[in-house]
C-alpha atoms as a PDB file:
ATOM      1  CA  MET A   1      14.185   9.612   2.973  1.00  0.00           C
ATOM      2  CA  GLN A   2      10.984   8.815   4.058  1.00  0.00           C
ATOM      3  CA  VAL A   3       7.093   7.635   3.338  1.00  0.00           C
ATOM      4  CA  VAL A   4       4.154   8.716   4.442  1.00  0.00           C
ATOM      5  CA  GLU A   5       0.739   6.804   4.095  1.00  0.00           C
ATOM      6  CA  SER A   6      -2.894   8.464   4.413  1.00  0.00           C
ATOM      7  CA  GLY A   7      -6.059   8.036   3.374  1.00  0.00           C
ATOM      8  CA  GLY A   8      -7.598   5.132   6.005  1.00  0.00           C
ATOM      9  CA  GLY A   9     -10.664   5.108   7.380  1.00  0.00           C
ATOM     10  CA  LEU A  10     -14.065   3.406   7.985  1.00  0.00           C
ATOM     11  CA  VAL A  11     -15.639   1.924   4.707  1.00  0.00           C
ATOM     12  CA  GLN A  12     -18.284  -0.216   4.356  1.00  0.00           C
ATOM     13  CA  PRO A  13     -18.378  -3.723   3.257  1.00  0.00           C
ATOM     14  CA  GLY A  14     -18.256  -3.723  -0.353  1.00  0.00           C
ATOM     15  CA  GLY A  15     -16.636  -0.291  -0.617  1.00  0.00           C
ATOM     16  CA  SER A  16     -13.520   1.295  -1.889  1.00  0.00           C
ATOM     17  CA  LEU A  17     -10.566   3.044  -0.551  1.00  0.00           C
ATOM     18  CA  MET A  18      -7.495   4.684  -2.109  1.00  0.00           C
ATOM     19  CA  LEU A  19      -4.568   5.024   0.186  1.00  0.00           C
ATOM     20  CA  SER A  20      -1.440   7.245  -0.478  1.00  0.00           C
ATOM     21  CA  CYS A  21       2.322   6.753   0.080  1.00  0.00           C
ATOM     22  CA  ALA A  22       4.099   9.918  -0.475  1.00  0.00           C
ATOM     23  CA  ALA A  23       7.672   9.659  -0.700  1.00  0.00           C
ATOM     24  CA  SER A  24      10.145  12.426  -0.073  1.00  0.00           C
ATOM     25  CA  GLY A  25      14.232  12.613   0.121  1.00  0.00           C
ATOM     26  CA  PHE A  26      14.205  10.164  -3.093  1.00  0.00           C
ATOM     27  CA  ILE A  27      12.420   9.340  -6.227  1.00  0.00           C
ATOM     28  CA  ALA A  28      10.009   6.767  -5.912  1.00  0.00           C
ATOM     29  CA  SER A  29       9.714   5.796  -9.325  1.00  0.00           C
ATOM     30  CA  ASP A  30      13.435   4.606  -9.296  1.00  0.00           C
ATOM     31  CA  ASN A  31      12.660   2.056  -6.492  1.00  0.00           C
ATOM     32  CA  LEU A  32      10.373  -0.654  -5.745  1.00  0.00           C
ATOM     33  CA  ILE A  33       7.481   0.557  -3.517  1.00  0.00           C
ATOM     34  CA  GLN A  34       5.385  -2.157  -1.927  1.00  0.00           C
ATOM     35  CA  TRP A  35       2.466  -1.998   0.264  1.00  0.00           C
ATOM     36  CA  PHE A  36       2.012  -4.222   3.292  1.00  0.00           C
ATOM     37  CA  ARG A  37      -0.826  -4.858   6.015  1.00  0.00           C
ATOM     38  CA  GLN A  38      -0.829  -6.093   9.287  1.00  0.00           C
ATOM     39  CA  VAL A  39      -4.024  -7.467  11.178  1.00  0.00           C
ATOM     40  CA  PRO A  40      -3.207  -7.222  15.147  1.00  0.00           C
ATOM     41  CA  GLY A  41      -1.859 -10.492  16.142  1.00  0.00           C
ATOM     42  CA  LYS A  42      -0.334 -11.440  12.664  1.00  0.00           C
ATOM     43  CA  GLU A  43       2.359 -11.274  10.941  1.00  0.00           C
ATOM     44  CA  ARG A  44       2.560  -8.035   8.462  1.00  0.00           C
ATOM     45  CA  GLU A  45       2.255  -9.541   5.032  1.00  0.00           C
ATOM     46  CA  PRO A  46       2.872  -8.190   1.467  1.00  0.00           C
ATOM     47  CA  VAL A  47       0.017  -6.897  -0.357  1.00  0.00           C
ATOM     48  CA  VAL A  48       1.028  -5.393  -4.010  1.00  0.00           C
ATOM     49  CA  GLY A  49       4.100  -3.344  -5.573  1.00  0.00           C
ATOM     50  CA  ILE A  50       5.550  -1.795  -8.234  1.00  0.00           C
ATOM     51  CA  ASP A  51       8.814  -1.611  -9.501  1.00  0.00           C
ATOM     52  CA  SER A  52      11.246   0.725 -11.143  1.00  0.00           C
ATOM     53  CA  MET A  53       9.906  -0.600 -14.693  1.00  0.00           C
ATOM     54  CA  ASN A  54       6.146   0.136 -13.675  1.00  0.00           C
ATOM     55  CA  SER A  55       5.254  -3.619 -13.307  1.00  0.00           C
ATOM     56  CA  MET A  56       2.980  -4.464 -10.633  1.00  0.00           C
ATOM     57  CA  LEU A  57       3.593  -7.247  -8.326  1.00  0.00           C
ATOM     58  CA  HIS A  58       1.005  -8.989  -6.468  1.00  0.00           C
ATOM     59  CA  TYR A  59       1.628 -11.284  -3.660  1.00  0.00           C
ATOM     60  CA  LYS A  60       0.283 -14.571  -2.661  1.00  0.00           C
ATOM     61  CA  GLY A  61      -3.359 -14.315  -1.564  1.00  0.00           C
ATOM     62  CA  PHE A  62      -3.871 -10.604  -3.569  1.00  0.00           C
ATOM     63  CA  THR A  63      -3.994 -11.894  -7.016  1.00  0.00           C
ATOM     64  CA  GLY A  64      -7.827 -11.728  -7.006  1.00  0.00           C
ATOM     65  CA  GLY A  65      -7.634  -8.197  -8.833  1.00  0.00           C
ATOM     66  CA  ARG A  66      -9.182  -6.242  -5.926  1.00  0.00           C
ATOM     67  CA  PHE A  67      -5.684  -4.483  -4.990  1.00  0.00           C
ATOM     68  CA  THR A  68      -4.071  -2.541  -7.389  1.00  0.00           C
ATOM     69  CA  VAL A  69      -1.134  -0.157  -7.249  1.00  0.00           C
ATOM     70  CA  SER A  70      -0.602   2.981  -9.298  1.00  0.00           C
ATOM     71  CA  ARG A  71       1.860   6.140  -9.166  1.00  0.00           C
ATOM     72  CA  ASP A  72       2.065   9.544  -9.833  1.00  0.00           C
ATOM     73  CA  ASN A  73       5.308  10.522 -10.479  1.00  0.00           C
ATOM     74  CA  ALA A  74       4.540  14.126 -10.463  1.00  0.00           C
ATOM     75  CA  LYS A  75       3.678  14.200  -7.048  1.00  0.00           C
ATOM     76  CA  ASN A  76       6.438  11.204  -6.070  1.00  0.00           C
ATOM     77  CA  THR A  77       3.441   9.286  -4.782  1.00  0.00           C
ATOM     78  CA  VAL A  78       2.448   5.564  -4.815  1.00  0.00           C
ATOM     79  CA  TYR A  79      -1.380   4.748  -4.667  1.00  0.00           C
ATOM     80  CA  LEU A  80      -3.184   1.387  -3.357  1.00  0.00           C
ATOM     81  CA  GLN A  81      -6.625   1.435  -4.731  1.00  0.00           C
ATOM     82  CA  MET A  82      -8.982  -1.292  -2.846  1.00  0.00           C
ATOM     83  CA  ASN A  83     -12.073  -2.415  -4.334  1.00  0.00           C
ATOM     84  CA  ARG A  84     -14.895  -4.779  -3.056  1.00  0.00           C
ATOM     85  CA  LEU A  85     -13.505  -4.516   0.440  1.00  0.00           C
ATOM     86  CA  LYS A  86     -14.358  -7.402   3.330  1.00  0.00           C
ATOM     87  CA  PRO A  87     -14.059  -7.095   7.085  1.00  0.00           C
ATOM     88  CA  GLU A  88     -10.888  -9.336   6.950  1.00  0.00           C
ATOM     89  CA  ASP A  89      -9.084  -6.440   5.356  1.00  0.00           C
ATOM     90  CA  THR A  90      -9.091  -4.221   8.522  1.00  0.00           C
ATOM     91  CA  ALA A  91      -5.544  -3.675   8.989  1.00  0.00           C
ATOM     92  CA  VAL A  92      -2.828  -1.085   9.198  1.00  0.00           C
ATOM     93  CA  TYR A  93      -1.791  -0.712   5.941  1.00  0.00           C
ATOM     94  CA  TYR A  94       2.073   0.112   5.247  1.00  0.00           C
ATOM     95  CA  CYS A  95       4.148   1.350   2.386  1.00  0.00           C
ATOM     96  CA  ARG A  96       7.847   0.310   2.130  1.00  0.00           C
ATOM     97  CA  ALA A  97      10.272   1.869  -0.304  1.00  0.00           C
ATOM     98  CA  ASN A  98      13.604  -0.813  -1.225  1.00  0.00           C
ATOM     99  CA  ILE A  99      15.907   1.923  -1.983  1.00  0.00           C
ATOM    100  CA  ARG A 100      18.887   0.199  -3.255  1.00  0.00           C
ATOM    101  CA  GLY A 101      18.333  -2.758  -0.475  1.00  0.00           C
ATOM    102  CA  ARG A 102      17.662  -0.245   2.385  1.00  0.00           C
ATOM    103  CA  TYR A 103      14.094  -0.714   3.472  1.00  0.00           C
ATOM    104  CA  VAL A 104      12.344   2.649   4.421  1.00  0.00           C
ATOM    105  CA  TRP A 105       9.029   2.051   6.325  1.00  0.00           C
ATOM    106  CA  GLY A 106       6.119   4.315   6.622  1.00  0.00           C
ATOM    107  CA  ASN A 107       4.393   4.562  10.295  1.00  0.00           C
ATOM    108  CA  GLY A 108       1.174   2.965   8.355  1.00  0.00           C
ATOM    109  CA  THR A 109      -2.665   3.897   8.026  1.00  0.00           C
ATOM    110  CA  LEU A 110      -5.830   2.001   9.464  1.00  0.00           C
ATOM    111  CA  VAL A 111      -8.242   0.658   7.342  1.00  0.00           C
ATOM    112  CA  THR A 112     -11.410  -0.456   9.284  1.00  0.00           C
ATOM    113  CA  VAL A 113     -13.964  -2.491   6.834  1.00  0.00           C
ATOM    114  CA  SER A 114     -17.267  -2.669   9.079  1.00  0.00           C
ATOM    115  CA  SER A 115     -20.883  -1.778   8.614  1.00  0.00           C
END
């Protein structure tokens, strides 16, 4: 079982970016999939998640609507849509699957917001 993130890169302030989390070895839609991010020198923090009931979970500090999550069951992939990006959104973004209490992390994808 694994998840692989992709889609990171350099984006200008105010821009948008969509990250992908491709799952393999399990059915993503049957499990809680969460996006986290980590800024160098800081703890990894949860951003948003989507559960098996297709409910979106927003975590503290990320309730303003700039970050949304969706999934494509046919592709077994979960997406993180990020809008109105700010320089402080620069971080490594990780996907994590919670499979009946077992956590499966990806290796992350770097997002840099800079002009």
